[in-house]
C-alpha atoms as a PDB file:
ATOM      1  CA  UNK A   1      18.493 -13.317  39.512  1.00  0.00           C
ATOM      2  CA  UNK A   2      18.713 -16.989  38.639  1.00  0.00           C
ATOM      3  CA  UNK A   3      18.533 -17.367  34.886  1.00  0.00           C
ATOM      4  CA  UNK A   4      17.977 -21.102  35.161  1.00  0.00           C
ATOM      5  CA  UNK A   5      14.873 -20.559  37.284  1.00  0.00           C
ATOM      6  CA  UNK A   6      13.433 -18.010  34.887  1.00  0.00           C
ATOM      7  CA  UNK A   7      14.015 -20.317  31.918  1.00  0.00           C
ATOM      8  CA  UNK A   8      12.428 -23.264  33.710  1.00  0.00           C
ATOM      9  CA  UNK A   9       9.391 -21.163  34.603  1.00  0.00           C
ATOM     10  CA  UNK A  10       9.040 -20.068  30.982  1.00  0.00           C
ATOM     11  CA  UNK A  11       9.190 -23.671  29.764  1.00  0.00           C
ATOM     12  CA  UNK A  12       6.692 -24.750  32.427  1.00  0.00           C
ATOM     13  CA  UNK A  13       4.315 -21.939  31.553  1.00  0.00           C
ATOM     14  CA  UNK A  14       4.416 -22.620  27.822  1.00  0.00           C
ATOM     15  CA  UNK A  15       3.910 -26.327  28.362  1.00  0.00           C
ATOM     16  CA  UNK A  16       1.154 -25.950  30.940  1.00  0.00           C
ATOM     17  CA  UNK A  17      -0.850 -23.528  28.768  1.00  0.00           C
ATOM     18  CA  UNK A  18       0.019 -25.152  25.460  1.00  0.00           C
ATOM     19  CA  UNK A  19      -3.448 -24.783  23.904  1.00  0.00           C
ATOM     20  CA  UNK A  20      -3.695 -21.109  24.795  1.00  0.00           C
ATOM     21  CA  UNK A  21      -0.130 -20.530  23.633  1.00  0.00           C
ATOM     22  CA  UNK A  22      -0.873 -22.076  20.234  1.00  0.00           C
ATOM     23  CA  UNK A  23      -4.000 -19.954  19.947  1.00  0.00           C
ATOM     24  CA  UNK A  24      -1.948 -16.893  20.871  1.00  0.00           C
ATOM     25  CA  UNK A  25       0.686 -17.688  18.245  1.00  0.00           C
ATOM     26  CA  UNK A  26      -2.002 -18.098  15.577  1.00  0.00           C
ATOM     27  CA  UNK A  27      -3.746 -14.830  16.432  1.00  0.00           C
ATOM     28  CA  UNK A  28      -0.459 -12.908  16.474  1.00  0.00           C
ATOM     29  CA  UNK A  29       0.520 -14.521  13.160  1.00  0.00           C
ATOM     30  CA  UNK A  30      -2.742 -13.410  11.562  1.00  0.00           C
ATOM     31  CA  UNK A  31      -2.388  -9.923  13.038  1.00  0.00           C
ATOM     32  CA  UNK A  32       1.177  -9.529  11.792  1.00  0.00           C
ATOM     33  CA  UNK A  33       0.281 -10.923   8.362  1.00  0.00           C
ATOM     34  CA  UNK A  34      -2.544  -8.394   8.072  1.00  0.00           C
ATOM     35  CA  UNK A  35      -0.315  -5.602   9.333  1.00  0.00           C
ATOM     36  CA  UNK A  36       2.294  -6.587   6.770  1.00  0.00           C
ATOM     37  CA  UNK A  37      -0.389  -6.679   4.089  1.00  0.00           C
ATOM     38  CA  UNK A  38      -1.355  -3.141   5.002  1.00  0.00           C
ATOM     39  CA  UNK A  39       2.268  -2.027   4.727  1.00  0.00           C
ATOM     40  CA  UNK A  40       2.613  -3.749   1.352  1.00  0.00           C
ATOM     41  CA  UNK A  41      -0.604  -2.189   0.077  1.00  0.00           C
ATOM     42  CA  UNK A  42       0.730   1.199   1.126  1.00  0.00           C
ATOM     43  CA  UNK A  43       4.023   0.452  -0.604  1.00  0.00           C
ATOM     44  CA  UNK A  44       2.111  -0.701  -3.700  1.00  0.00           C
ATOM     45  CA  UNK A  45       0.093   2.505  -3.737  1.00  0.00           C
ATOM     46  CA  UNK A  46       3.254   4.594  -3.584  1.00  0.00           C
ATOM     47  CA  UNK A  47       4.922   2.411  -6.236  1.00  0.00           C
ATOM     48  CA  UNK A  48       1.941   2.699  -8.570  1.00  0.00           C
ATOM     49  CA  UNK A  49       1.713   6.448  -8.094  1.00  0.00           C
ATOM     50  CA  UNK A  50       5.434   6.850  -8.708  1.00  0.00           C
ATOM     51  CA  UNK A  51       5.267   4.606 -11.778  1.00  0.00           C
ATOM     52  CA  UNK A  52       2.391   6.508 -13.348  1.00  0.00           C
ATOM     53  CA  UNK A  53       3.308   9.985 -12.148  1.00  0.00           C
ATOM     54  CA  UNK A  54       6.464   9.749 -14.248  1.00  0.00           C
ATOM     55  CA  UNK A  55       4.267   8.968 -17.256  1.00  0.00           C
ATOM     56  CA  UNK A  56       1.399  11.369 -16.663  1.00  0.00           C
ATOM     57  CA  UNK A  57       0.879  13.750 -19.549  1.00  0.00           C
ATOM     58  CA  UNK A  58      -1.585  16.425 -20.524  1.00  0.00           C
ATOM     59  CA  UNK A  59      -3.032  15.937 -23.991  1.00  0.00           C
ATOM     60  CA  UNK A  60      -4.073  19.047 -25.895  1.00  0.00           C
ATOM     61  CA  UNK A  61      -6.307  17.928 -28.773  1.00  0.00           C
ATOM     62  CA  UNK A  62      -6.700  20.415 -31.614  1.00  0.00           C
ATOM     63  CA  UNK A  63      -9.635  20.985 -33.906  1.00  0.00           C
ATOM     64  CA  UNK A  64     -10.114  19.155 -37.164  1.00  0.00           C
ATOM     65  CA  UNK A  65     -12.814  19.600 -39.780  1.00  0.00           C
ATOM     66  CA  UNK A  66     -15.187  17.352 -37.847  1.00  0.00           C
ATOM     67  CA  UNK A  67     -14.758  19.114 -34.473  1.00  0.00           C
ATOM     68  CA  UNK A  68     -17.473  21.096 -32.751  1.00  0.00           C
ATOM     69  CA  UNK A  69     -17.413  23.539 -29.873  1.00  0.00           C
ATOM     70  CA  UNK A  70     -16.565  27.185 -29.213  1.00  0.00           C
ATOM     71  CA  UNK A  71     -12.832  26.724 -29.804  1.00  0.00           C
ATOM     72  CA  UNK A  72     -13.451  25.035 -33.154  1.00  0.00           C
ATOM     73  CA  UNK A  73     -15.968  27.528 -34.571  1.00  0.00           C
ATOM     74  CA  UNK A  74     -13.567  28.447 -37.397  1.00  0.00           C
ATOM     75  CA  UNK A  75     -12.948  24.833 -38.400  1.00  0.00           C
ATOM     76  CA  UNK A  76      -9.690  22.930 -38.303  1.00  0.00           C
ATOM     77  CA  UNK A  77      -6.734  24.412 -36.432  1.00  0.00           C
ATOM     78  CA  UNK A  78      -4.607  26.762 -38.518  1.00  0.00           C
ATOM     79  CA  UNK A  79      -0.824  26.878 -38.617  1.00  0.00           C
ATOM     80  CA  UNK A  80      -0.844  30.146 -36.698  1.00  0.00           C
ATOM     81  CA  UNK A  81      -3.127  28.727 -33.998  1.00  0.00           C
ATOM     82  CA  UNK A  82      -0.972  25.600 -33.741  1.00  0.00           C
ATOM     83  CA  UNK A  83       2.147  27.723 -33.289  1.00  0.00           C
ATOM     84  CA  UNK A  84       0.441  29.828 -30.629  1.00  0.00           C
ATOM     85  CA  UNK A  85      -0.580  26.721 -28.706  1.00  0.00           C
ATOM     86  CA  UNK A  86       2.948  25.295 -28.912  1.00  0.00           C
ATOM     87  CA  UNK A  87       4.538  28.570 -27.776  1.00  0.00           C
ATOM     88  CA  UNK A  88       2.093  28.856 -24.872  1.00  0.00           C
ATOM     89  CA  UNK A  89       2.952  25.354 -23.716  1.00  0.00           C
ATOM     90  CA  UNK A  90       6.717  25.657 -24.131  1.00  0.00           C
ATOM     91  CA  UNK A  91       6.779  28.968 -22.259  1.00  0.00           C
ATOM     92  CA  UNK A  92       4.787  27.672 -19.298  1.00  0.00           C
ATOM     93  CA  UNK A  93       6.972  27.093 -16.178  1.00  0.00           C
ATOM     94  CA  UNK A  94       5.135  23.862 -15.245  1.00  0.00           C
ATOM     95  CA  UNK A  95       5.902  22.202 -18.594  1.00  0.00           C
ATOM     96  CA  UNK A  96       8.921  19.954 -19.007  1.00  0.00           C
ATOM     97  CA  UNK A  97       8.595  18.800 -22.640  1.00  0.00           C
ATOM     98  CA  UNK A  98       6.110  19.170 -25.476  1.00  0.00           C
ATOM     99  CA  UNK A  99       5.593  16.471 -28.111  1.00  0.00           C
ATOM    100  CA  UNK A 100       3.586  17.019 -31.277  1.00  0.00           C
ATOM    101  CA  UNK A 101       1.479  14.239 -32.780  1.00  0.00           C
ATOM    102  CA  UNK A 102      -0.033  14.729 -36.235  1.00  0.00           C
ATOM    103  CA  UNK A 103      -3.054  12.914 -37.604  1.00  0.00           C
ATOM    104  CA  UNK A 104      -1.035  10.153 -39.267  1.00  0.00           C
ATOM    105  CA  UNK A 105       0.818   9.418 -36.029  1.00  0.00           C
ATOM    106  CA  UNK A 106      -2.450   9.471 -34.113  1.00  0.00           C
ATOM    107  CA  UNK A 107      -3.887   6.985 -36.612  1.00  0.00           C
ATOM    108  CA  UNK A 108      -0.917   4.639 -36.198  1.00  0.00           C
ATOM    109  CA  UNK A 109      -1.240   4.742 -32.417  1.00  0.00           C
ATOM    110  CA  UNK A 110      -4.962   4.140 -32.779  1.00  0.00           C
ATOM    111  CA  UNK A 111      -4.275   1.060 -34.901  1.00  0.00           C
ATOM    112  CA  UNK A 112      -1.845  -0.306 -32.326  1.00  0.00           C
ATOM    113  CA  UNK A 113      -4.368   0.113 -29.515  1.00  0.00           C
ATOM    114  CA  UNK A 114      -7.249  -1.458 -31.473  1.00  0.00           C
ATOM    115  CA  UNK A 115      -5.319  -4.011 -33.472  1.00  0.00           C
ATOM    116  CA  UNK A 116      -7.918  -6.753 -32.990  1.00  0.00           C
ATOM    117  CA  UNK A 117     -10.903  -4.505 -33.666  1.00  0.00           C
ATOM    118  CA  UNK A 118     -12.748  -3.745 -36.907  1.00  0.00           C
ATOM    119  CA  UNK A 119     -13.138  -0.104 -35.863  1.00  0.00           C
ATOM    120  CA  UNK A 120      -9.872   0.842 -37.555  1.00  0.00           C
ATOM    121  CA  UNK A 121     -11.418  -0.140 -40.896  1.00  0.00           C
ATOM    122  CA  UNK A 122     -13.965   2.690 -40.680  1.00  0.00           C
ATOM    123  CA  UNK A 123     -11.681   5.359 -39.154  1.00  0.00           C
ATOM    124  CA  UNK A 124      -9.450   7.487 -41.354  1.00  0.00           C
ATOM    125  CA  UNK A 125      -6.508   9.687 -40.281  1.00  0.00           C
ATOM    126  CA  UNK A 126      -8.347  12.942 -41.074  1.00  0.00           C
ATOM    127  CA  UNK A 127     -11.019  12.037 -38.501  1.00  0.00           C
ATOM    128  CA  UNK A 128      -8.478  11.986 -35.662  1.00  0.00           C
ATOM    129  CA  UNK A 129      -7.242  15.219 -34.085  1.00  0.00           C
ATOM    130  CA  UNK A 130      -3.712  16.517 -33.948  1.00  0.00           C
ATOM    131  CA  UNK A 131      -2.417  16.902 -30.408  1.00  0.00           C
ATOM    132  CA  UNK A 132       0.367  18.062 -28.162  1.00  0.00           C
ATOM    133  CA  UNK A 133       1.540  15.640 -25.457  1.00  0.00           C
ATOM    134  CA  UNK A 134       2.788  17.644 -22.508  1.00  0.00           C
ATOM    135  CA  UNK A 135       5.163  16.209 -19.899  1.00  0.00           C
ATOM    136  CA  UNK A 136       5.059  18.157 -16.629  1.00  0.00           C
ATOM    137  CA  UNK A 137       7.799  19.261 -14.250  1.00  0.00           C
ATOM    138  CA  UNK A 138       5.636  18.130 -11.335  1.00  0.00           C
ATOM    139  CA  UNK A 139       2.687  15.788 -12.057  1.00  0.00           C
ATOM    140  CA  UNK A 140       0.877  17.290  -9.049  1.00  0.00           C
ATOM    141  CA  UNK A 141       0.915  20.720 -10.690  1.00  0.00           C
ATOM    142  CA  UNK A 142      -1.215  20.618 -13.822  1.00  0.00           C
ATOM    143  CA  UNK A 143      -4.035  23.094 -13.291  1.00  0.00           C
ATOM    144  CA  UNK A 144      -1.998  26.017 -14.601  1.00  0.00           C
ATOM    145  CA  UNK A 145      -1.207  24.313 -17.891  1.00  0.00           C
ATOM    146  CA  UNK A 146      -4.805  23.215 -18.410  1.00  0.00           C
ATOM    147  CA  UNK A 147      -6.179  26.694 -17.790  1.00  0.00           C
ATOM    148  CA  UNK A 148      -3.491  28.310 -19.998  1.00  0.00           C
ATOM    149  CA  UNK A 149      -4.488  26.461 -23.174  1.00  0.00           C
ATOM    150  CA  UNK A 150      -8.119  25.483 -22.619  1.00  0.00           C
ATOM    151  CA  UNK A 151      -9.536  28.678 -24.107  1.00  0.00           C
ATOM    152  CA  UNK A 152      -7.144  29.121 -26.999  1.00  0.00           C
ATOM    153  CA  UNK A 153      -8.548  29.116 -30.565  1.00  0.00           C
ATOM    154  CA  UNK A 154      -7.963  25.786 -32.257  1.00  0.00           C
ATOM    155  CA  UNK A 155      -8.084  23.768 -29.008  1.00  0.00           C
ATOM    156  CA  UNK A 156     -10.830  21.170 -28.984  1.00  0.00           C
ATOM    157  CA  UNK A 157     -10.152  19.499 -25.636  1.00  0.00           C
ATOM    158  CA  UNK A 158      -7.518  19.286 -22.908  1.00  0.00           C
ATOM    159  CA  UNK A 159      -7.256  15.926 -21.160  1.00  0.00           C
ATOM    160  CA  UNK A 160      -5.322  15.273 -17.972  1.00  0.00           C
ATOM    161  CA  UNK A 161      -4.329  11.616 -17.563  1.00  0.00           C
ATOM    162  CA  UNK A 162      -4.334  12.028 -13.809  1.00  0.00           C
ATOM    163  CA  UNK A 163      -8.126  12.178 -13.939  1.00  0.00           C
ATOM    164  CA  UNK A 164      -8.140   8.760 -15.585  1.00  0.00           C
ATOM    165  CA  UNK A 165      -5.835   7.300 -12.932  1.00  0.00           C
ATOM    166  CA  UNK A 166      -7.534   8.863  -9.917  1.00  0.00           C
ATOM    167  CA  UNK A 167     -10.047   5.973  -9.502  1.00  0.00           C
ATOM    168  CA  UNK A 168      -7.112   3.541  -9.372  1.00  0.00           C
ATOM    169  CA  UNK A 169      -5.380   5.600  -6.688  1.00  0.00           C
ATOM    170  CA  UNK A 170      -8.610   5.893  -4.701  1.00  0.00           C
ATOM    171  CA  UNK A 171      -9.111   2.128  -4.894  1.00  0.00           C
ATOM    172  CA  UNK A 172      -5.592   1.515  -3.593  1.00  0.00           C
ATOM    173  CA  UNK A 173      -6.176   3.972  -0.745  1.00  0.00           C
ATOM    174  CA  UNK A 174      -9.443   2.217   0.117  1.00  0.00           C
ATOM    175  CA  UNK A 175      -7.771  -1.202   0.161  1.00  0.00           C
ATOM    176  CA  UNK A 176      -5.034   0.213   2.372  1.00  0.00           C
ATOM    177  CA  UNK A 177      -7.539   1.613   4.891  1.00  0.00           C
ATOM    178  CA  UNK A 178      -9.455  -1.676   4.895  1.00  0.00           C
ATOM    179  CA  UNK A 179      -6.280  -3.679   5.499  1.00  0.00           C
ATOM    180  CA  UNK A 180      -5.294  -1.511   8.461  1.00  0.00           C
ATOM    181  CA  UNK A 181      -8.841  -1.656   9.869  1.00  0.00           C
ATOM    182  CA  UNK A 182      -8.752  -5.463   9.786  1.00  0.00           C
ATOM    183  CA  UNK A 183      -5.287  -5.314  11.329  1.00  0.00           C
ATOM    184  CA  UNK A 184      -6.599  -3.188  14.195  1.00  0.00           C
ATOM    185  CA  UNK A 185      -9.357  -5.704  14.883  1.00  0.00           C
ATOM    186  CA  UNK A 186      -6.829  -8.551  14.862  1.00  0.00           C
ATOM    187  CA  UNK A 187      -4.498  -6.650  17.189  1.00  0.00           C
ATOM    188  CA  UNK A 188      -7.335  -6.061  19.657  1.00  0.00           C
ATOM    189  CA  UNK A 189      -8.168  -9.775  19.526  1.00  0.00           C
ATOM    190  CA  UNK A 190      -4.498 -10.631  20.081  1.00  0.00           C
ATOM    191  CA  UNK A 191      -4.234  -8.262  23.057  1.00  0.00           C
ATOM    192  CA  UNK A 192      -7.338  -9.746  24.665  1.00  0.00           C
ATOM    193  CA  UNK A 193      -6.099 -13.295  24.100  1.00  0.00           C
ATOM    194  CA  UNK A 194      -2.654 -12.457  25.466  1.00  0.00           C
ATOM    195  CA  UNK A 195      -4.219 -10.899  28.539  1.00  0.00           C
ATOM    196  CA  UNK A 196      -6.437 -13.928  29.113  1.00  0.00           C
ATOM    197  CA  UNK A 197      -3.536 -16.342  28.620  1.00  0.00           C
ATOM    198  CA  UNK A 198      -1.308 -14.481  31.076  1.00  0.00           C
ATOM    199  CA  UNK A 199      -4.148 -14.202  33.567  1.00  0.00           C
ATOM    200  CA  UNK A 200      -4.738 -17.970  33.500  1.00  0.00           C
ATOM    201  CA  UNK A 201      -1.017 -18.625  33.771  1.00  0.00           C
ATOM    202  CA  UNK A 202      -0.730 -16.335  36.792  1.00  0.00           C
ATOM    203  CA  UNK A 203      -3.729 -17.983  38.442  1.00  0.00           C
ATOM    204  CA  UNK A 204      -2.402 -21.512  37.893  1.00  0.00           C
ATOM    205  CA  UNK A 205       0.951 -20.546  39.436  1.00  0.00           C
ATOM    206  CA  UNK A 206      -0.357 -18.371  42.260  1.00  0.00           C
ATOM    207  CA  UNK A 207       1.141 -20.668  44.903  1.00  0.00           C
ATOM    208  CA  UNK A 208       4.658 -20.388  43.435  1.00  0.00           C
ATOM    209  CA  UNK A 209       4.397 -16.638  43.077  1.00  0.00           C
ATOM    210  CA  UNK A 210       3.105 -16.380  46.662  1.00  0.00           C
ATOM    211  CA  UNK A 211       6.129 -18.266  47.965  1.00  0.00           C
ATOM    212  CA  UNK A 212       8.450 -16.058  45.917  1.00  0.00           C
ATOM    213  CA  UNK A 213       6.838 -12.953  47.416  1.00  0.00           C
ATOM    214  CA  UNK A 214       7.271 -14.334  50.934  1.00  0.00           C
ATOM    215  CA  UNK A 215      11.013 -14.887  50.404  1.00  0.00           C
ATOM    216  CA  UNK A 216      11.442 -11.306  49.202  1.00  0.00           C
ATOM    217  CA  UNK A 217      11.340 -11.629  45.398  1.00  0.00           C
ATOM    218  CA  UNK A 218      10.654  -8.366  43.593  1.00  0.00           C
ATOM    219  CA  UNK A 219       7.634  -7.776  41.382  1.00  0.00           C
ATOM    220  CA  UNK A 220       9.865  -7.642  38.310  1.00  0.00           C
ATOM    221  CA  UNK A 221      11.438 -11.015  39.158  1.00  0.00           C
ATOM    222  CA  UNK A 222       7.979 -12.567  39.597  1.00  0.00           C
ATOM    223  CA  UNK A 223       6.543 -11.042  36.440  1.00  0.00           C
ATOM    224  CA  UNK A 224       9.518 -11.630  34.171  1.00  0.00           C
ATOM    225  CA  UNK A 225       8.751 -15.297  33.266  1.00  0.00           C
ATOM    226  CA  UNK A 226       5.188 -14.386  32.269  1.00  0.00           C
ATOM    227  CA  UNK A 227       6.365 -11.445  30.153  1.00  0.00           C
ATOM    228  CA  UNK A 228       9.011 -13.567  28.431  1.00  0.00           C
ATOM    229  CA  UNK A 229       6.444 -16.285  27.714  1.00  0.00           C
ATOM    230  CA  UNK A 230       4.272 -13.725  25.948  1.00  0.00           C
ATOM    231  CA  UNK A 231       7.290 -12.308  24.114  1.00  0.00           C
ATOM    232  CA  UNK A 232       8.311 -15.765  22.853  1.00  0.00           C
ATOM    233  CA  UNK A 233       4.768 -16.521  21.721  1.00  0.00           C
ATOM    234  CA  UNK A 234       4.603 -13.112  20.038  1.00  0.00           C
ATOM    235  CA  UNK A 235       7.915 -13.679  18.281  1.00  0.00           C
ATOM    236  CA  UNK A 236       6.823 -17.106  17.035  1.00  0.00           C
ATOM    237  CA  UNK A 237       3.534 -15.668  15.803  1.00  0.00           C
ATOM    238  CA  UNK A 238       5.366 -12.824  14.066  1.00  0.00           C
ATOM    239  CA  UNK A 239       7.698 -15.275  12.335  1.00  0.00           C
ATOM    240  CA  UNK A 240       4.762 -17.344  11.081  1.00  0.00           C
ATOM    241  CA  UNK A 241       3.041 -14.157   9.905  1.00  0.00           C
ATOM    242  CA  UNK A 242       6.158 -13.041   8.018  1.00  0.00           C
ATOM    243  CA  UNK A 243       6.512 -16.468   6.381  1.00  0.00           C
ATOM    244  CA  UNK A 244       2.845 -16.334   5.311  1.00  0.00           C
ATOM    245  CA  UNK A 245       3.453 -12.866   3.891  1.00  0.00           C
ATOM    246  CA  UNK A 246       6.435 -14.108   1.848  1.00  0.00           C
ATOM    247  CA  UNK A 247       4.409 -17.003   0.441  1.00  0.00           C
ATOM    248  CA  UNK A 248       1.529 -14.666  -0.350  1.00  0.00           C
ATOM    249  CA  UNK A 249       3.711 -12.229  -2.242  1.00  0.00           C
ATOM    250  CA  UNK A 250       5.587 -14.924  -4.151  1.00  0.00           C
ATOM    251  CA  UNK A 251       2.509 -16.977  -5.066  1.00  0.00           C
ATOM    252  CA  UNK A 252      -0.214 -14.357  -5.517  1.00  0.00           C
ATOM    253  CA  UNK A 253       1.754 -11.346  -6.746  1.00  0.00           C
ATOM    254  CA  UNK A 254       4.772 -13.023  -8.313  1.00  0.00           C
ATOM    255  CA  UNK A 255       2.988 -15.810 -10.197  1.00  0.00           C
ATOM    256  CA  UNK A 256      -0.493 -14.472 -10.910  1.00  0.00           C
ATOM    257  CA  UNK A 257      -0.828 -10.698 -10.627  1.00  0.00           C
ATOM    258  CA  UNK A 258       2.503  -9.349 -11.915  1.00  0.00           C
ATOM    259  CA  UNK A 259       2.708 -11.522 -15.100  1.00  0.00           C
ATOM    260  CA  UNK A 260      -0.893 -10.756 -16.091  1.00  0.00           C
ATOM    261  CA  UNK A 261      -1.210  -7.119 -15.017  1.00  0.00           C
ATOM    262  CA  UNK A 262       1.823  -5.333 -16.345  1.00  0.00           C
ATOM    263  CA  UNK A 263       0.473  -1.791 -16.238  1.00  0.00           C
ATOM    264  CA  UNK A 264       2.636  -0.968 -13.194  1.00  0.00           C
ATOM    265  CA  UNK A 265       5.455  -2.228 -11.007  1.00  0.00           C
ATOM    266  CA  UNK A 266       4.430  -4.587  -8.197  1.00  0.00           C
ATOM    267  CA  UNK A 267       5.720  -5.232  -4.704  1.00  0.00           C
ATOM    268  CA  UNK A 268       8.030  -8.210  -4.278  1.00  0.00           C
ATOM    269  CA  UNK A 269       9.949 -10.087  -1.590  1.00  0.00           C
ATOM    270  CA  UNK A 270      12.327  -7.140  -1.249  1.00  0.00           C
ATOM    271  CA  UNK A 271       9.459  -5.027   0.097  1.00  0.00           C
ATOM    272  CA  UNK A 272       8.622  -7.800   2.574  1.00  0.00           C
ATOM    273  CA  UNK A 273      12.243  -7.939   3.766  1.00  0.00           C
ATOM    274  CA  UNK A 274      12.151  -4.188   4.327  1.00  0.00           C
ATOM    275  CA  UNK A 275       9.091  -4.608   6.573  1.00  0.00           C
ATOM    276  CA  UNK A 276      10.337  -7.678   8.500  1.00  0.00           C
ATOM    277  CA  UNK A 277      12.073  -5.783  11.374  1.00  0.00           C
ATOM    278  CA  UNK A 278       8.958  -3.691  11.999  1.00  0.00           C
ATOM    279  CA  UNK A 279       6.684  -6.724  11.876  1.00  0.00           C
ATOM    280  CA  UNK A 280       8.776  -8.728  14.348  1.00  0.00           C
ATOM    281  CA  UNK A 281       9.079  -5.734  16.649  1.00  0.00           C
ATOM    282  CA  UNK A 282       5.335  -5.109  16.489  1.00  0.00           C
ATOM    283  CA  UNK A 283       4.502  -8.726  17.378  1.00  0.00           C
ATOM    284  CA  UNK A 284       6.848  -8.828  20.357  1.00  0.00           C
ATOM    285  CA  UNK A 285       5.902  -5.343  21.557  1.00  0.00           C
ATOM    286  CA  UNK A 286       2.166  -6.070  21.471  1.00  0.00           C
ATOM    287  CA  UNK A 287       2.698  -9.263  23.463  1.00  0.00           C
ATOM    288  CA  UNK A 288       4.984  -7.670  26.061  1.00  0.00           C
ATOM    289  CA  UNK A 289       2.803  -4.613  26.637  1.00  0.00           C
ATOM    290  CA  UNK A 290      -0.391  -6.668  26.885  1.00  0.00           C
ATOM    291  CA  UNK A 291       1.178  -9.101  29.349  1.00  0.00           C
ATOM    292  CA  UNK A 292       2.699  -6.308  31.455  1.00  0.00           C
ATOM    293  CA  UNK A 293      -0.619  -4.463  31.757  1.00  0.00           C
ATOM    294  CA  UNK A 294      -2.426  -7.705  32.610  1.00  0.00           C
ATOM    295  CA  UNK A 295       0.083  -8.661  35.300  1.00  0.00           C
ATOM    296  CA  UNK A 296      -0.144  -5.274  36.974  1.00  0.00           C
ATOM    297  CA  UNK A 297      -3.888  -5.650  37.172  1.00  0.00           C
ATOM    298  CA  UNK A 298      -4.367  -9.338  38.007  1.00  0.00           C
ATOM    299  CA  UNK A 299      -1.167 -10.564  39.634  1.00  0.00           C
ATOM    300  CA  UNK A 300      -2.044 -10.079  43.286  1.00  0.00           C
ATOM    301  CA  UNK A 301      -0.305 -12.162  45.922  1.00  0.00           C
END
């Protein structure tokens, strides 16, 4: 096989179909950028879950003199009831640590959370409930702890922080699905454009390929320049998509989202670098497979 001939055919093909090649590079770049966005959204979802799962606690609020409900029928929690609740929590196999918060501590935390509000001026410590903050061995396993203490005398309410975070996790999952759906549409568009580009290139060079067939050239030798053209265009598009992804992460996440929304850890350029090999491979593979299938169907000499 003459390498010089193959290279010259690739250069001729790219130059002859320059407009279609540019369009192909743009579509692949958009597809890879969207695919990378989907990977980053997935990574962000896992990062957010990991960040908050380590901080998820169960809060067991105890009765005070203002509490109502079946568990608070006898009024504020007694020392004996408080001890029973603590012992139940500490003996449970799903519990890692138990932290007690009295009314004064609850009031101080309340003041910190509502520092700019006038509400703290009308709330007194005795109006806030005592509580146990429960850290779990496994944040996924919380039902047993909730059921163990929910019916105990002196317990006003049991709150699982996971329930508060579930809408956030569902939103991240929805964004992830949407990103991959858009990626799929872009990939289909890229495949169709690659197929059309290769088909036009094969048609415009049908005389050369016919001569090559007459002198005994193999199908692989005839098809190789077309496949390499698509691979080069796919690689260029992938590189542009990766660069766009880096700029997006640095500008959008690094400068706007992360400094202003500090409730979790955010993806950064390191996550993009981790995805780069897969993104480049995906761009080249899509281009090569689409061109190969098109040539088998339309390259008839």
